[in-house]
Amino acid sequence: MPVRFEFNEFNLTSSAQQALAQYAECIKKENLRFTLGGHADERGTDEYNMVLSQKRAASVRKYLVDLGVKDGTLDTVGYGENKPVSNGSNEDAWAQNRRVEFDRR
């Protein structure tokens, strides 16, 4: 389940924090390894969206590490707007594209 973000934000919402607390317990228990892929919607420059998506992935990583997930089990990558899950140009599509996804490695 992806972690969603508000427009132009990389800070975690309280609902994202609650979900990540549950993810953290599972990751620790199962000793799982993930790449956290940050994404942005199509608005903004390519450069800005790349940095924003990297910040989103880093904020998820930091929160999980703060909850006790081993530092070496999480990598981060920012994809900017290059891998949308929705190709629409409206708020619903943009909201789906502002996310961090967990890719198991």
C-alpha atoms as a PDB file:
ATOM      1  CA  MET A   1       0.000   0.000   0.000  1.00  0.00           C
ATOM      2  CA  PRO A   2       1.586   3.303  -1.044  1.00  0.00           C
ATOM      3  CA  VAL A   3       2.081   6.222   1.322  1.00  0.00           C
ATOM      4  CA  ARG A   4       0.250   9.283  -0.053  1.00  0.00           C
ATOM      5  CA  PHE A   5       1.286  12.936   0.187  1.00  0.00           C
ATOM      6  CA  GLU A   6      -0.397  16.306  -0.089  1.00  0.00           C
ATOM      7  CA  PHE A   7       0.450  18.653  -2.972  1.00  0.00           C
ATOM      8  CA  ASN A   8       4.004  20.001  -2.786  1.00  0.00           C
ATOM      9  CA  GLU A   9       4.645  18.176   0.530  1.00  0.00           C
ATOM     10  CA  PHE A  10       7.065  15.556   1.770  1.00  0.00           C
ATOM     11  CA  ASN A  11       5.948  15.596   5.404  1.00  0.00           C
ATOM     12  CA  LEU A  12       3.978  12.583   6.580  1.00  0.00           C
ATOM     13  CA  THR A  13       0.315  12.960   7.490  1.00  0.00           C
ATOM     14  CA  SER A  14      -0.907  11.435  10.743  1.00  0.00           C
ATOM     15  CA  SER A  15      -2.679   8.671   8.817  1.00  0.00           C
ATOM     16  CA  ALA A  16       0.566   7.897   6.952  1.00  0.00           C
ATOM     17  CA  GLN A  17       2.410   7.741  10.274  1.00  0.00           C
ATOM     18  CA  GLN A  18      -0.145   5.282  11.652  1.00  0.00           C
ATOM     19  CA  ALA A  19       0.150   3.059   8.586  1.00  0.00           C
ATOM     20  CA  LEU A  20       3.954   3.208   8.705  1.00  0.00           C
ATOM     21  CA  ALA A  21       3.932   2.158  12.368  1.00  0.00           C
ATOM     22  CA  GLN A  22       2.153  -1.026  11.321  1.00  0.00           C
ATOM     23  CA  TYR A  23       4.507  -1.506   8.356  1.00  0.00           C
ATOM     24  CA  ALA A  24       7.495  -1.076  10.679  1.00  0.00           C
ATOM     25  CA  GLU A  25       6.392  -3.907  12.938  1.00  0.00           C
ATOM     26  CA  CYS A  26       5.972  -6.246   9.967  1.00  0.00           C
ATOM     27  CA  ILE A  27       9.299  -5.226   8.425  1.00  0.00           C
ATOM     28  CA  LYS A  28      11.120  -5.831  11.721  1.00  0.00           C
ATOM     29  CA  LYS A  29       9.368  -9.125  12.441  1.00  0.00           C
ATOM     30  CA  GLU A  30       9.919 -10.560   8.956  1.00  0.00           C
ATOM     31  CA  ASN A  31      13.355  -8.955   8.447  1.00  0.00           C
ATOM     32  CA  LEU A  32      12.215  -7.574   5.083  1.00  0.00           C
ATOM     33  CA  ARG A  33      14.217  -5.328   2.743  1.00  0.00           C
ATOM     34  CA  PHE A  34      12.683  -2.630   0.556  1.00  0.00           C
ATOM     35  CA  THR A  35      13.471   0.086  -1.906  1.00  0.00           C
ATOM     36  CA  LEU A  36      11.259   3.067  -1.176  1.00  0.00           C
ATOM     37  CA  GLY A  37      10.302   4.685  -4.475  1.00  0.00           C
ATOM     38  CA  GLY A  38       9.200   8.311  -4.268  1.00  0.00           C
ATOM     39  CA  HIS A  39       6.879   9.789  -6.895  1.00  0.00           C
ATOM     40  CA  ALA A  40       5.399  13.165  -7.784  1.00  0.00           C
ATOM     41  CA  ASP A  41       2.525  14.366  -9.926  1.00  0.00           C
ATOM     42  CA  GLU A  42       3.102  16.054 -13.276  1.00  0.00           C
ATOM     43  CA  ARG A  43       2.966  19.614 -11.983  1.00  0.00           C
ATOM     44  CA  GLY A  44       6.304  21.358 -11.498  1.00  0.00           C
ATOM     45  CA  THR A  45       9.572  21.075 -13.376  1.00  0.00           C
ATOM     46  CA  ASP A  46      11.292  17.745 -13.908  1.00  0.00           C
ATOM     47  CA  GLU A  47      14.124  18.823 -11.600  1.00  0.00           C
ATOM     48  CA  TYR A  48      11.774  19.996  -8.836  1.00  0.00           C
ATOM     49  CA  ASN A  49       9.687  16.817  -9.009  1.00  0.00           C
ATOM     50  CA  MET A  50      12.806  14.640  -8.848  1.00  0.00           C
ATOM     51  CA  VAL A  51      13.988  16.384  -5.674  1.00  0.00           C
ATOM     52  CA  LEU A  52      10.497  16.292  -4.155  1.00  0.00           C
ATOM     53  CA  SER A  53      10.115  12.578  -4.850  1.00  0.00           C
ATOM     54  CA  GLN A  54      13.519  11.892  -3.265  1.00  0.00           C
ATOM     55  CA  LYS A  55      12.490  13.891  -0.184  1.00  0.00           C
ATOM     56  CA  ARG A  56       9.276  11.868   0.064  1.00  0.00           C
ATOM     57  CA  ALA A  57      11.160   8.574  -0.023  1.00  0.00           C
ATOM     58  CA  ALA A  58      13.680   9.894   2.517  1.00  0.00           C
ATOM     59  CA  SER A  59      10.939  11.018   4.920  1.00  0.00           C
ATOM     60  CA  VAL A  60       9.354   7.544   4.858  1.00  0.00           C
ATOM     61  CA  ARG A  61      12.758   5.935   5.392  1.00  0.00           C
ATOM     62  CA  LYS A  62      13.606   8.233   8.318  1.00  0.00           C
ATOM     63  CA  TYR A  63      10.278   7.586   9.999  1.00  0.00           C
ATOM     64  CA  LEU A  64      10.663   3.807   9.683  1.00  0.00           C
ATOM     65  CA  VAL A  65      14.245   3.916  10.991  1.00  0.00           C
ATOM     66  CA  ASP A  66      13.075   6.080  13.909  1.00  0.00           C
ATOM     67  CA  LEU A  67      10.569   3.285  14.651  1.00  0.00           C
ATOM     68  CA  GLY A  68      13.380   0.729  14.848  1.00  0.00           C
ATOM     69  CA  VAL A  69      13.656  -0.640  11.315  1.00  0.00           C
ATOM     70  CA  LYS A  70      17.302  -1.469  10.600  1.00  0.00           C
ATOM     71  CA  ASP A  71      18.970   1.286   8.621  1.00  0.00           C
ATOM     72  CA  GLY A  72      20.492  -1.026   6.016  1.00  0.00           C
ATOM     73  CA  THR A  73      17.185  -2.663   5.067  1.00  0.00           C
ATOM     74  CA  LEU A  74      15.765   0.386   3.284  1.00  0.00           C
ATOM     75  CA  ASP A  75      17.038   2.080   0.139  1.00  0.00           C
ATOM     76  CA  THR A  76      15.454   5.141  -1.434  1.00  0.00           C
ATOM     77  CA  VAL A  77      15.023   6.331  -4.987  1.00  0.00           C
ATOM     78  CA  GLY A  78      13.145   9.268  -6.469  1.00  0.00           C
ATOM     79  CA  TYR A  79      11.341   8.843  -9.774  1.00  0.00           C
ATOM     80  CA  GLY A  80       9.857  12.320 -10.061  1.00  0.00           C
ATOM     81  CA  GLU A  81       6.837  12.274 -12.332  1.00  0.00           C
ATOM     82  CA  ASN A  82       8.247   9.517 -14.561  1.00  0.00           C
ATOM     83  CA  LYS A  83       6.168   6.567 -13.295  1.00  0.00           C
ATOM     84  CA  PRO A  84       2.586   7.732 -12.814  1.00  0.00           C
ATOM     85  CA  VAL A  85      -0.088   5.268 -11.749  1.00  0.00           C
ATOM     86  CA  SER A  86      -2.734   7.547 -13.223  1.00  0.00           C
ATOM     87  CA  ASN A  87      -2.340   9.481 -16.464  1.00  0.00           C
ATOM     88  CA  GLY A  88      -5.154  11.943 -15.825  1.00  0.00           C
ATOM     89  CA  SER A  89      -4.601  15.665 -15.358  1.00  0.00           C
ATOM     90  CA  ASN A  90      -6.967  16.303 -12.480  1.00  0.00           C
ATOM     91  CA  GLU A  91      -6.815  16.275  -8.689  1.00  0.00           C
ATOM     92  CA  ASP A  92      -7.786  12.599  -8.371  1.00  0.00           C
ATOM     93  CA  ALA A  93      -5.001  11.514 -10.719  1.00  0.00           C
ATOM     94  CA  TRP A  94      -2.455  13.860  -9.151  1.00  0.00           C
ATOM     95  CA  ALA A  95      -3.319  12.597  -5.664  1.00  0.00           C
ATOM     96  CA  GLN A  96      -2.701   8.996  -6.761  1.00  0.00           C
ATOM     97  CA  ASN A  97       0.689   9.937  -8.202  1.00  0.00           C
ATOM     98  CA  ARG A  98       1.982  11.704  -5.064  1.00  0.00           C
ATOM     99  CA  ARG A  99       3.252   8.640  -3.254  1.00  0.00           C
ATOM    100  CA  VAL A 100       6.014   6.405  -1.957  1.00  0.00           C
ATOM    101  CA  GLU A 101       5.833   2.739  -2.916  1.00  0.00           C
ATOM    102  CA  PHE A 102       7.530  -0.217  -1.248  1.00  0.00           C
ATOM    103  CA  ASP A 103       9.420  -2.456  -3.678  1.00  0.00           C
ATOM    104  CA  ARG A 104      10.657  -5.619  -2.019  1.00  0.00           C
ATOM    105  CA  ARG A 105      14.236  -6.549  -2.769  1.00  0.00           C
END
